[in-house]
Amino acid sequence: MAKSNSPEFLSLFSKGYPEFVEAIKRLDPNIRSSELSFFALAFLNFSTKDIAAFTFVTPRAVQIRKNRMRKKYDIPSEVDFNKWTRELLLVQNSYRVVT
């Protein structure tokens, strides 16, 4: 689904990883579906080149988008973007336990 840039990708991803989608929506309740799809591709650990191929853009466009999302969501530049998405669940779950 992701590789073919299918419109059903986000729906199926949301069903398969509901905790991740909830964690992202806690960060930004008004997140655009295109941003959520981009985070989903990163969560699935696709490379910049793979994301570019799947979404029919250049690798540079993907990198620019990552940088804009880093700024919007305060993701440090020294942290791997894909790793941050996967660790978001751990951070959100530990936060939920503490509060």
Protein backbone atom coordinates (compact mmCIF):
# COMPACT_ATOMS: atom_id res chain seq x y z
CA MET A 1 0.00 0.00 0.00
CA ALA A 2 2.67 2.50 1.02
CA LYS A 3 4.84 1.67 -1.96
CA SER A 4 2.03 2.37 -4.39
CA ASN A 5 1.00 5.62 -2.65
CA SER A 6 -2.46 4.12 -2.18
CA PRO A 7 -5.20 6.30 -0.66
CA GLU A 8 -6.08 3.38 1.64
CA PHE A 9 -2.60 3.36 3.19
CA LEU A 10 -3.38 5.80 6.00
CA SER A 11 -6.64 4.06 6.87
CA LEU A 12 -4.97 0.65 7.09
CA PHE A 13 -1.98 2.08 8.96
CA SER A 14 -4.35 3.68 11.49
CA LYS A 15 -6.02 0.33 12.08
CA GLY A 16 -2.68 -1.47 12.44
CA TYR A 17 -0.97 1.13 14.63
CA PRO A 18 -3.73 3.01 16.49
CA GLU A 19 -1.44 3.85 19.42
CA PHE A 20 0.98 5.65 17.11
CA VAL A 21 -1.78 7.65 15.45
CA GLU A 22 -3.14 8.62 18.88
CA ALA A 23 0.35 9.66 20.04
CA ILE A 24 0.81 11.90 16.98
CA LYS A 25 -2.64 13.40 17.43
CA ARG A 26 -1.81 14.21 21.06
CA LEU A 27 1.09 16.29 19.74
CA ASP A 28 -1.15 18.03 17.20
CA PRO A 29 -4.89 17.35 17.26
CA ASN A 30 -5.24 19.23 13.96
CA ILE A 31 -2.51 17.35 12.09
CA ARG A 32 -3.07 17.17 8.34
CA SER A 33 -3.52 13.72 6.85
CA SER A 34 -0.52 14.32 4.58
CA GLU A 35 1.68 14.92 7.64
CA LEU A 36 0.26 11.86 9.35
CA SER A 37 1.00 9.77 6.25
CA PHE A 38 4.54 11.12 6.18
CA PHE A 39 5.03 10.24 9.86
CA ALA A 40 3.59 6.77 9.12
CA LEU A 41 6.17 6.18 6.39
CA ALA A 42 8.93 7.26 8.76
CA PHE A 43 7.50 5.04 11.51
CA LEU A 44 7.71 2.11 9.09
CA ASN A 45 11.39 3.05 8.69
CA PHE A 46 11.36 3.84 4.98
CA SER A 47 14.41 5.76 3.80
CA THR A 48 14.30 9.23 2.31
CA LYS A 49 14.84 7.70 -1.14
CA ASP A 50 12.03 5.20 -0.61
CA ILE A 51 9.60 7.87 0.57
CA ALA A 52 10.53 9.99 -2.44
CA ALA A 53 9.85 7.08 -4.80
CA PHE A 54 6.54 6.18 -3.13
CA THR A 55 5.26 9.77 -3.11
CA PHE A 56 6.59 10.74 -6.55
CA VAL A 57 8.83 13.58 -5.34
CA THR A 58 12.59 14.08 -5.21
CA PRO A 59 14.68 12.94 -2.23
CA ARG A 60 15.49 16.62 -1.67
CA ALA A 61 11.77 17.42 -1.33
CA VAL A 62 11.45 14.68 1.30
CA GLN A 63 14.44 16.07 3.19
CA ILE A 64 12.94 19.58 3.12
CA ARG A 65 9.67 18.19 4.44
CA LYS A 66 11.50 16.37 7.25
CA ASN A 67 13.22 19.63 8.18
CA ARG A 68 9.93 21.54 8.23
CA MET A 69 8.34 18.85 10.40
CA ARG A 70 11.38 18.89 12.72
CA LYS A 71 10.79 22.59 13.23
CA LYS A 72 7.02 22.27 13.67
CA TYR A 73 7.24 19.37 16.14
CA ASP A 74 10.50 20.41 17.88
CA ILE A 75 12.45 17.35 16.75
CA PRO A 76 16.18 18.00 17.37
CA SER A 77 18.34 17.88 14.25
CA GLU A 78 20.77 15.44 15.89
CA VAL A 79 17.97 12.88 16.37
CA ASP A 80 17.18 10.47 13.54
CA PHE A 81 13.72 11.38 12.23
CA ASN A 82 12.57 7.78 11.74
CA LYS A 83 13.87 6.75 15.14
CA TRP A 84 12.02 9.68 16.75
CA THR A 85 8.73 8.48 15.26
CA ARG A 86 9.24 4.97 16.62
CA GLU A 87 10.29 6.22 20.04
CA LEU A 88 7.30 8.54 20.27
CA LEU A 89 5.18 5.66 21.54
CA LEU A 90 7.66 4.93 24.32
CA VAL A 91 7.74 8.58 25.38
CA GLN A 92 3.96 8.94 25.25
CA ASN A 93 3.43 5.70 27.20
CA SER A 94 5.95 6.65 29.89
CA TYR A 95 4.32 10.08 30.16
CA ARG A 96 0.92 8.47 30.58
CA VAL A 97 2.23 6.24 33.40
CA VAL A 98 3.78 9.17 35.26
CA THR A 99 0.71 11.40 35.15
